Protein backbone atom coordinates (compact mmCIF):
# COMPACT_ATOMS: atom_id res chain seq x y z
CA MET A 1 0.12 0.00 -0.21
CA SER A 2 1.45 3.30 -0.82
CA MET A 3 0.50 6.57 0.02
CA GLN A 4 1.72 9.59 0.67
CA PHE A 5 1.42 11.82 3.92
CA THR A 6 3.70 14.68 5.04
CA THR A 7 3.25 14.36 9.14
CA ALA A 8 2.22 11.45 11.57
CA ILE A 9 0.99 12.10 14.76
CA ARG A 10 0.83 9.27 17.49
CA GLY A 11 -1.70 8.53 20.38
CA ASN A 12 -5.20 8.23 22.79
CA PHE A 13 -7.97 9.28 19.49
CA PHE A 14 -11.38 9.53 20.49
CA ASP A 15 -14.34 11.24 18.09
CA ILE A 16 -18.08 10.15 17.01
CA ALA A 17 -17.35 7.96 13.32
CA ALA A 18 -20.65 9.11 11.68
CA CYS A 19 -24.03 11.36 12.54
CA VAL A 20 -26.89 9.70 13.95
CA GLU A 21 -30.26 10.78 14.80
CA ASN A 22 -30.58 9.65 18.27
CA PRO A 23 -28.30 9.96 20.98
CA GLN A 24 -28.95 5.78 22.14
CA GLN A 25 -26.61 5.11 18.46
CA LEU A 26 -23.55 7.36 19.78
CA ASN A 27 -22.30 4.01 21.34
CA GLU A 28 -22.57 2.11 17.62
CA GLN A 29 -20.52 5.13 16.15
CA LEU A 30 -18.26 5.76 18.59
CA ARG A 31 -14.32 5.75 17.82
CA HIS A 32 -11.34 5.29 20.66
CA ILE A 33 -8.08 4.26 20.12
CA PRO A 34 -5.91 4.26 22.84
CA ASP A 35 -2.77 3.76 20.70
CA GLY A 36 -3.38 5.39 17.74
CA LEU A 37 -2.11 6.72 14.06
CA LEU A 38 -3.33 9.85 11.82
CA LEU A 39 -1.17 10.57 8.45
CA LEU A 40 -1.97 13.59 7.35
CA ASN A 41 -0.75 15.30 3.72
CA GLU A 42 -0.42 18.80 4.30
CA GLY A 43 -4.05 19.84 5.36
CA ALA A 44 -5.50 16.54 4.70
CA ILE A 45 -6.52 13.59 6.86
CA VAL A 46 -4.97 10.12 4.33
CA TRP A 47 -4.89 7.14 6.87
CA PHE A 48 -6.36 6.76 10.71
CA GLY A 49 -6.42 3.29 12.33
CA SER A 50 -4.92 1.61 15.31
CA TRP A 51 -0.85 2.51 15.80
CA GLN A 52 -0.04 -1.31 15.70
CA GLN A 53 -1.73 -1.24 11.67
CA GLY A 54 0.01 2.02 11.25
CA GLU A 55 3.34 1.42 11.84
CA PRO A 56 4.04 -0.19 8.59
CA LEU A 57 3.63 2.23 6.77
CA LEU A 58 5.63 4.77 8.03
CA PRO A 59 9.22 4.84 5.88
CA PRO A 60 12.09 4.00 8.01
CA GLY A 61 13.01 7.12 10.27
CA PHE A 62 10.03 8.94 9.72
CA GLU A 63 9.66 11.42 12.11
CA VAL A 64 6.30 10.72 14.94
CA THR A 65 4.98 13.30 17.06
CA HIS A 66 3.59 11.44 19.47
CA TYR A 67 1.47 12.66 22.49
CA ARG A 68 1.36 10.84 25.09
CA ASP A 69 -0.89 10.73 28.48
CA LYS A 70 -2.71 13.56 26.25
CA LEU A 71 -6.15 12.96 24.41
CA ILE A 72 -6.59 14.23 20.97
CA VAL A 73 -10.42 15.13 19.73
CA PRO A 74 -11.90 17.00 16.75
CA GLY A 75 -11.19 20.79 16.75
CA PHE A 76 -14.08 22.32 18.40
CA ILE A 77 -16.84 23.76 16.07
CA ASP A 78 -18.73 26.97 17.72
CA THR A 79 -21.52 27.83 15.84
CA HIS A 80 -22.47 31.16 17.02
CA ILE A 81 -20.11 33.62 18.79
CA HIS A 82 -20.15 37.25 18.46
CA TYR A 83 -16.52 38.55 18.22
CA PRO A 84 -16.87 42.29 18.57
CA GLN A 85 -18.09 41.17 22.48
CA THR A 86 -15.19 39.94 22.99
CA GLU A 87 -14.08 43.22 25.27
CA MET A 88 -17.64 43.05 26.97
CA ILE A 89 -17.68 39.73 28.13
CA GLY A 90 -19.42 39.16 31.94
CA ALA A 91 -21.17 42.95 31.64
CA TYR A 92 -23.31 42.98 34.45
CA GLY A 93 -26.95 42.71 35.40
CA ASP A 94 -29.45 43.19 32.03
CA GLN A 95 -31.85 40.43 30.83
CA LEU A 96 -31.86 40.90 26.71
CA LEU A 97 -32.56 43.98 25.42
CA ALA A 98 -31.90 46.08 28.23
CA TRP A 99 -28.12 43.97 28.01
CA LEU A 100 -27.72 44.97 24.16
CA LYS A 101 -29.04 49.07 24.19
CA HIS A 102 -26.63 49.10 27.86
CA TYR A 103 -23.11 47.44 26.62
CA THR A 104 -23.59 45.34 23.21
CA PHE A 105 -24.51 47.72 20.86
CA PRO A 106 -21.96 50.91 22.31
CA THR A 107 -19.16 48.59 22.20
CA GLU A 108 -19.55 47.56 18.47
CA SER A 109 -19.61 51.43 17.84
CA GLN A 110 -16.06 50.97 17.79
CA PHE A 111 -15.35 48.55 14.84
CA CYS A 112 -16.06 51.85 12.80
CA CYS A 113 -12.31 51.89 13.25
CA GLU A 114 -10.25 49.92 10.80
CA ARG A 115 -7.49 49.88 13.41
CA HIS A 116 -9.78 48.67 15.95
CA ALA A 117 -11.40 45.72 14.39
CA GLY A 118 -8.36 44.26 12.89
CA LYS A 119 -6.83 44.28 16.82
CA MET A 120 -9.79 42.80 17.89
CA SER A 121 -9.59 39.88 15.62
CA ALA A 122 -6.71 38.96 16.08
CA PHE A 123 -7.43 38.96 20.08
CA PHE A 124 -10.64 36.57 18.75
CA LEU A 125 -9.26 34.15 17.01
CA GLN A 126 -6.25 33.36 19.53
CA GLN A 127 -8.56 32.92 22.27
CA LEU A 128 -10.64 30.51 19.73
CA LEU A 129 -7.43 28.36 19.35
CA SER A 130 -6.26 29.04 22.10
CA ASN A 131 -9.57 27.09 23.29
CA GLY A 132 -9.47 24.68 20.56
CA THR A 133 -12.03 26.05 18.58
CA THR A 134 -11.25 25.32 14.94
CA THR A 135 -13.98 26.21 13.13
CA ALA A 136 -16.54 28.89 14.39
CA LEU A 137 -19.77 31.25 12.69
CA VAL A 138 -19.52 34.84 13.83
CA PHE A 139 -21.74 37.56 14.10
CA GLY A 140 -19.03 41.08 13.00
CA THR A 141 -20.88 44.41 13.42
CA VAL A 142 -22.65 46.36 11.03
CA HIS A 143 -19.05 47.88 9.73
CA PRO A 144 -17.92 45.62 7.20
CA GLN A 145 -14.78 46.53 8.08
CA SER A 146 -15.00 44.47 11.47
CA VAL A 147 -15.79 41.53 8.89
CA GLU A 148 -12.90 42.11 6.22
CA ALA A 149 -10.30 42.34 9.18
CA LEU A 150 -11.86 38.81 10.94
CA PHE A 151 -11.22 36.64 7.22
CA SER A 152 -8.17 38.56 6.13
CA GLN A 153 -6.53 37.01 9.70
CA ALA A 154 -8.43 33.73 9.54
CA ALA A 155 -7.69 33.73 6.01
CA ALA A 156 -3.41 34.14 7.04
CA LEU A 157 -4.42 30.44 9.16
CA ASN A 158 -6.21 29.11 6.80
CA MET A 159 -9.19 28.14 8.66
CA ARG A 160 -12.18 27.50 7.88
CA LEU A 161 -14.24 29.95 9.27
CA ILE A 162 -17.67 32.02 8.41
CA ALA A 163 -18.64 35.50 9.33
CA GLY A 164 -21.05 38.16 8.52
CA LYS A 165 -22.04 41.57 8.81
CA VAL A 166 -24.32 42.55 10.74
CA MET A 167 -27.51 44.00 8.49
CA MET A 168 -30.19 46.26 10.86
CA ASP A 169 -32.25 49.54 10.14
CA ARG A 170 -33.97 49.92 12.93
CA HIS A 171 -34.19 50.08 16.78
CA ALA A 172 -30.48 50.43 17.34
CA PRO A 173 -28.23 53.82 17.47
CA ASP A 174 -28.24 56.39 15.15
CA GLU A 175 -24.40 55.18 14.09
CA LEU A 176 -25.49 51.62 13.67
CA LEU A 177 -27.87 51.48 11.46
CA GLU A 178 -27.99 51.64 7.37
CA THR A 179 -30.01 51.60 4.73
CA PRO A 180 -31.68 48.41 3.12
CA GLU A 181 -29.92 49.07 -0.19
CA GLN A 182 -26.70 49.75 2.17
CA SER A 183 -27.21 46.92 3.61
CA TYR A 184 -27.49 44.69 -0.05
CA ARG A 185 -24.71 46.56 -1.47
CA GLN A 186 -22.26 46.31 1.26
CA THR A 187 -22.87 42.63 2.21
CA ARG A 188 -22.80 41.74 -1.64
CA GLU A 189 -19.90 42.52 -2.35
CA LEU A 190 -18.74 40.98 0.78
CA ILE A 191 -19.59 38.04 -0.35
CA GLU A 192 -17.91 38.07 -3.58
CA ARG A 193 -14.79 38.75 -1.88
CA TRP A 194 -14.87 35.97 0.72
CA ASN A 195 -17.59 33.54 0.31
CA GLY A 196 -15.35 30.29 -0.98
CA LYS A 197 -12.35 31.94 -0.24
CA GLN A 198 -9.51 29.12 1.47
CA ARG A 199 -11.82 27.90 3.91
CA LEU A 200 -13.82 31.00 4.34
CA GLY A 201 -17.33 30.82 4.25
CA TYR A 202 -20.07 33.98 4.64
CA ALA A 203 -22.87 34.03 6.22
CA ILE A 204 -25.58 36.22 5.81
CA THR A 205 -26.47 38.46 8.83
CA PRO A 206 -29.23 40.04 9.82
CA ARG A 207 -29.45 40.66 13.68
CA PHE A 208 -32.72 39.72 14.84
CA ALA A 209 -36.08 40.43 13.55
CA PRO A 210 -36.61 43.48 15.73
CA THR A 211 -33.54 45.04 14.37
CA SER A 212 -35.34 44.53 10.42
CA THR A 213 -37.99 46.12 8.73
CA PRO A 214 -39.75 44.64 6.25
CA ALA A 215 -37.36 46.23 3.21
CA LEU A 216 -34.14 44.95 4.53
CA LEU A 217 -35.57 41.45 5.23
CA ALA A 218 -36.34 41.34 1.26
CA GLN A 219 -33.26 42.44 0.67
CA VAL A 220 -31.56 39.08 2.89
CA GLN A 221 -34.00 37.66 0.87
CA ARG A 222 -32.86 38.69 -2.04
CA LEU A 223 -28.96 38.12 -1.17
CA ARG A 224 -30.64 34.54 -0.35
CA GLU A 225 -31.27 33.53 -3.63
CA GLU A 226 -28.85 34.98 -5.39
CA PHE A 227 -26.10 33.50 -3.24
CA PRO A 228 -27.50 29.59 -2.32
CA ASP A 229 -24.14 28.39 -1.10
CA ALA A 230 -24.26 31.20 1.20
CA TRP A 231 -24.90 30.88 5.21
CA LEU A 232 -27.63 32.35 7.30
CA HIS A 233 -27.34 33.69 10.54
CA THR A 234 -29.69 35.34 13.21
CA HIS A 235 -30.89 34.32 16.35
CA LEU A 236 -34.67 33.30 17.12
CA SER A 237 -36.94 33.32 20.13
CA GLU A 238 -34.18 33.80 23.23
CA ASN A 239 -36.08 35.76 25.40
CA LEU A 240 -39.78 36.28 26.16
CA ASP A 241 -40.22 39.63 26.12
CA GLU A 242 -38.43 39.75 22.69
CA VAL A 243 -40.57 37.33 21.12
CA ALA A 244 -43.98 39.34 22.14
CA TRP A 245 -42.20 42.37 20.26
CA VAL A 246 -41.40 40.53 17.28
CA LYS A 247 -45.38 39.80 17.36
CA ALA A 248 -46.22 43.40 18.57
CA LEU A 249 -44.08 43.88 14.65
CA PHE A 250 -45.25 41.58 12.94
CA PRO A 251 -48.14 40.80 14.12
CA GLU A 252 -49.32 39.20 10.64
CA SER A 253 -46.69 36.51 11.04
CA ASN A 254 -47.98 32.99 13.32
CA SER A 255 -44.67 33.03 14.64
CA TYR A 256 -41.50 34.29 15.25
CA LEU A 257 -39.30 32.33 12.76
CA ASP A 258 -42.33 32.53 10.41
CA VAL A 259 -41.21 35.64 10.16
CA TYR A 260 -38.07 34.67 8.33
CA HIS A 261 -39.28 31.41 7.05
CA GLN A 262 -41.85 34.06 4.87
CA TYR A 263 -38.83 35.61 3.42
CA GLY A 264 -36.95 31.95 2.59
CA LEU A 265 -34.67 32.80 5.36
CA THR A 266 -35.08 28.75 6.87
CA GLY A 267 -33.30 25.99 5.15
CA GLU A 268 -29.68 24.47 4.91
CA LYS A 269 -27.11 26.07 5.97
CA SER A 270 -29.61 28.39 8.05
CA VAL A 271 -28.84 28.52 11.69
CA PHE A 272 -30.93 30.25 14.65
CA ALA A 273 -29.37 30.89 17.70
CA HIS A 274 -31.26 29.45 20.86
CA CYS A 275 -34.38 28.66 20.39
CA LEU A 276 -35.57 28.78 23.90
CA HIS A 277 -39.22 29.58 23.50
CA LEU A 278 -40.69 27.93 20.09
CA GLU A 279 -44.06 26.91 19.63
CA GLU A 280 -44.43 23.24 18.16
CA GLN A 281 -45.37 24.33 14.83
CA GLU A 282 -41.77 26.73 14.94
CA TRP A 283 -39.97 23.18 15.75
CA ASP A 284 -42.46 21.41 12.95
CA CYS A 285 -40.66 24.06 10.49
CA LEU A 286 -36.57 24.08 11.63
CA CYS A 287 -37.01 20.55 10.87
CA GLN A 288 -39.18 20.33 7.44
CA THR A 289 -36.29 23.09 6.48
CA GLY A 290 -33.37 21.29 7.37
CA SER A 291 -33.23 24.50 10.00
CA ALA A 292 -30.09 23.94 12.18
CA ILE A 293 -29.87 25.31 15.91
CA ALA A 294 -26.90 26.80 18.27
CA PHE A 295 -27.51 25.49 21.55
CA CYS A 296 -25.27 28.55 23.86
CA PRO A 297 -25.81 27.22 27.71
CA THR A 298 -23.86 29.85 29.27
CA SER A 299 -24.90 33.16 27.45
CA ASN A 300 -28.77 31.46 28.11
CA LEU A 301 -28.25 31.30 31.75
CA PHE A 302 -26.22 34.25 32.38
CA LEU A 303 -29.13 36.61 30.56
CA GLY A 304 -31.56 34.83 32.61
CA SER A 305 -32.91 33.70 28.79
CA GLY A 306 -34.06 30.34 29.79
CA LEU A 307 -34.12 26.31 29.24
CA PHE A 308 -32.93 24.76 25.78
CA ASN A 309 -34.71 21.81 25.47
CA LEU A 310 -32.32 19.68 23.91
CA GLN A 311 -34.87 16.82 24.17
CA LYS A 312 -37.38 17.79 22.36
CA ALA A 313 -34.22 19.22 19.23
CA TRP A 314 -33.57 14.91 19.62
CA GLN A 315 -37.94 14.08 19.03
CA LYS A 316 -38.03 16.39 16.50
CA GLN A 317 -34.98 15.65 14.26
CA VAL A 318 -33.63 19.28 14.34
CA LYS A 319 -29.67 19.86 13.73
CA LEU A 320 -27.80 21.14 16.12
CA GLY A 321 -24.28 22.53 17.55
CA ILE A 322 -23.27 24.49 20.35
CA GLY A 323 -22.56 28.39 20.61
CA THR A 324 -20.85 29.89 22.79
CA ASP A 325 -22.01 33.24 22.08
CA VAL A 326 -19.86 35.51 23.49
CA GLY A 327 -20.17 38.00 24.59
CA ALA A 328 -23.23 37.03 26.58
CA GLY A 329 -21.23 33.64 26.68
CA THR A 330 -19.11 33.48 29.53
CA THR A 331 -16.35 31.33 27.60
CA PHE A 332 -15.12 30.48 24.94
CA ASN A 333 -13.75 27.67 26.35
CA MET A 334 -16.11 24.42 24.85
CA LEU A 335 -15.57 22.20 27.67
CA GLN A 336 -16.59 25.04 30.90
CA THR A 337 -19.83 25.09 27.85
CA LEU A 338 -20.44 21.63 27.81
CA GLY A 339 -20.54 21.71 31.69
CA GLU A 340 -22.95 23.81 31.83
CA ALA A 341 -24.97 22.12 29.04
CA TYR A 342 -24.85 19.21 31.30
CA LYS A 343 -26.67 21.67 33.61
CA VAL A 344 -29.46 22.56 32.18
CA GLY A 345 -30.33 19.41 31.04
CA GLN A 346 -30.38 18.09 34.98
CA LEU A 347 -32.52 21.25 35.40
CA GLN A 348 -35.42 19.39 33.43
CA ARG A 349 -34.52 15.94 34.03
CA TYR A 350 -32.85 15.51 30.85
CA LYS A 351 -28.80 13.65 30.87
CA LEU A 352 -26.90 14.61 29.11
CA SER A 353 -23.65 12.25 28.52
CA ALA A 354 -19.92 13.35 28.04
CA CYS A 355 -20.08 11.10 24.77
CA GLU A 356 -23.17 13.36 23.29
CA ALA A 357 -21.89 16.50 24.57
CA PHE A 358 -18.35 16.02 22.82
CA TYR A 359 -20.40 14.83 19.13
CA HIS A 360 -22.47 17.94 19.60
CA ALA A 361 -19.39 20.08 19.86
CA THR A 362 -17.51 18.31 16.45
CA LEU A 363 -19.35 16.15 14.04
CA GLY A 364 -22.89 17.78 15.23
CA GLY A 365 -21.71 20.70 14.48
CA ALA A 366 -19.75 20.20 11.67
CA ARG A 367 -23.80 18.84 10.38
CA ALA A 368 -25.74 21.67 11.66
CA LEU A 369 -23.09 23.87 9.43
CA ALA A 370 -23.28 21.77 6.46
CA LEU A 371 -19.49 21.19 6.62
CA ASP A 372 -19.85 17.60 8.43
CA ASP A 373 -18.21 16.03 4.88
CA LYS A 374 -15.25 18.45 5.37
CA ILE A 375 -14.72 18.29 9.53
CA GLY A 376 -16.24 17.04 12.99
CA ASN A 377 -14.05 13.60 12.93
CA PHE A 378 -11.00 11.74 12.11
CA ALA A 379 -12.73 10.18 8.35
CA VAL A 380 -10.22 9.74 5.35
CA GLY A 381 -10.19 12.59 3.57
CA LYS A 382 -11.60 15.39 5.75
CA GLU A 383 -9.28 18.58 6.53
CA ALA A 384 -6.82 17.97 9.88
CA ASP A 385 -8.35 20.28 12.45
CA PHE A 386 -7.60 18.71 15.83
CA VAL A 387 -7.16 19.59 19.68
CA VAL A 388 -4.79 17.98 22.28
CA LEU A 389 -6.15 17.54 25.67
CA ASP A 390 -4.38 17.51 28.65
CA PRO A 391 -6.43 15.43 30.86
CA ALA A 392 -4.73 16.42 34.36
CA VAL A 393 -3.55 19.86 34.87
CA SER A 394 -4.47 20.46 38.23
CA PRO A 395 -4.13 18.61 41.57
CA LEU A 396 -7.71 17.96 41.45
CA GLN A 397 -8.08 16.94 37.77
CA LYS A 398 -4.97 14.61 38.50
CA LEU A 399 -6.62 13.29 41.59
CA ARG A 400 -9.99 12.48 39.48
CA HIS A 401 -8.16 11.28 36.59
CA GLU A 402 -6.28 8.29 38.65
CA ASN A 403 -9.40 7.07 39.36
CA SER A 404 -11.60 7.16 35.97
CA ARG A 405 -10.06 4.49 33.73
CA GLU A 406 -13.48 4.20 31.94
CA LEU A 407 -13.34 6.78 28.67
CA ALA A 408 -16.43 7.91 29.49
CA ASP A 409 -15.18 9.18 32.72
CA GLN A 410 -12.84 10.93 31.14
CA LEU A 411 -14.40 12.93 28.93
CA PHE A 412 -17.25 13.56 31.61
CA LEU A 413 -14.17 15.35 33.32
CA LEU A 414 -13.54 17.42 31.14
CA MET A 415 -16.60 19.20 30.70
CA THR A 416 -17.22 19.69 33.89
CA LEU A 417 -13.42 20.50 35.36
CA GLY A 418 -12.27 21.07 32.16
CA ASP A 419 -10.99 25.18 30.93
CA ASP A 420 -8.30 26.66 28.85
CA ARG A 421 -5.66 24.73 30.66
CA ASN A 422 -6.36 21.39 29.25
CA VAL A 423 -5.80 22.62 25.60
CA TYR A 424 -2.04 21.36 25.10
CA ARG A 425 -1.96 21.50 21.68
CA THR A 426 -4.60 23.29 18.23
CA TYR A 427 -3.96 22.06 15.01
CA VAL A 428 -5.62 23.78 12.34
CA ASP A 429 -4.72 22.86 8.53
CA GLY A 430 -2.79 19.81 9.53
CA LYS A 431 -0.38 22.99 11.56
CA VAL A 432 -0.09 23.68 15.10
CA VAL A 433 -1.68 26.82 15.42
CA TYR A 434 -1.62 26.88 19.38
CA ARG A 435 0.71 25.53 21.94
CA MET A 436 0.01 25.28 25.66
CA ALA A 437 3.37 27.71 27.19
CA ALA A 438 6.01 26.21 28.69
CA HIS A 439 5.39 27.53 31.89
CA GLN A 440 1.63 25.79 32.05
CA GLU A 441 3.57 22.81 30.97
CA ALA A 442 5.60 22.72 34.38
CA ALA A 443 2.89 23.90 36.17
């Protein structure tokens, strides 16, 4: 057997081999290779299996990177995050609508400055990578330069990233408003420049229904029809006051989701963040149109918005990923976010297993973004984005790790006790883009 490869990684691997329709199928698709080998050619996976099977494929003297006592998992996928809100994370004391007014809009107004956008883009991407997140679906601001800066820096890493400039023309400060025509023109220019360039994708991004006039939504629909390979990214049913406001603003619509659906904004590659207070018909519409949900546990708890019904998402067969939703979300770290998701489930008597949680953060998230043919596990032919986790970086973690030998226990401890300290290496496109600092390793 002859194949071309440039990189060999040996270690303890875990992934989910295929997408599933219910959590009971996860054990069938769980793939754990305690001593495995991953062969890469440039940025693609060309072989994956056990070390015993793969060692004969290696030429004599070929350099192998061996991560002993570590766990290697697919890169985390964040399906909803606001990069301009990085600098206001942890803002105190409000629920959604007041929080937007008091914190979000003033912060986002700074992104009219290209230099500021560039500085925050660099910081944001470093936060993603240092937390093991290799792909994200990202909100910019209303300013085109906000996504220009982000895409430029992600392209330099050859990172798989989807982003878009916010579109809004009402119910926000004047300096953040645009006309529907201006929004269409600027968004179109960005799509033509960035969508499909290297590993980048563009998301058409109306902020949410309350900041969108029918005229703006018509322009969003126009873009959606002109660029069917682009994504659609917005918010849906996050807060009860928000839901009531939408019903008052759009009395002719049957529901909040129906506002978007009437403009053709549901479907494959449409991702709706939150979805906490859905009516039955909205669940059915999401399923029937192939739309996806981004479940954002930390921000839902932080803003007091409500508890997402994960069990219902399975029952209704709605695709789902996990979103950190920084800056209402309080961490970039997917392990901590999964720990909060577990608590959300517990409050509703739903036991979120570690295997299911990691599925949502990897292959399930890839499926929600219609990228499961490219990322999400270690299947041959997929892109080489993955994370090397150190499962025991503190005295407490070491104590628990020593008496938790089963994989399920180790994964669960990572998502309940883990944080950014557990991220040892992050690989994007087959290359190390983050490594734990030497002083952290020695600690």
